[in-house]
Amino acid sequence: MKPWPDFDSNGDLPVDVYEATLEETIERFGGGTLQRRLVAQRLRRIYSLAVSTGQLARFIIFGSFVTSKSAPNDIDIFMIMKDTFDLNQESGEAAIIFYHRPAQNWEGASIFWIRQMAAIGGAEEAVKDWQVKRDGSRRGIVEVIAND
């Protein structure tokens, strides 16, 4: 992985999609404060549950965890699942992450997901859309990639 850039004047990553392994992401953003370490633990768990489905195509992290904010409230995630993903086949803990409110309550995460075929304009456009903040400005986001 290339070195992480400095945060911009708003405390965000410069606009781009940064690819990193889960470990690289946690190393960069999961330390410094107790709150960041707790959120990093949540991230690790959620990623593991998503991978356990065998249907994860893309895993994107956006929001305060990938900023300079010292105490992010939660972890914001967007997942693209393979077209063969069938939520009815998921049970237990893995199923929770595919329901927004339970994921927020149980995992401390705002999780959004779609199947690849639902990505209007394709997966790349769907990922780039998560760079847009509520105020219309753009920020950098992180895509977790496999270790291989």
Foldseek 3Di string as FASTA:
>chain_A
DDDQDAAPPVQFGAADEAEDALVVLCVVQQDDDPQSVLQSVLVVVLVVLQVVQVFWDWKKWDDDSRGRDPHDQHTEIETETEPPDDLVVDDDPSSQLDDQPSCCVPRVYGYHYYYQVPPVVGPVVNRSVRQQDPVRDGGYMYIHDDPD
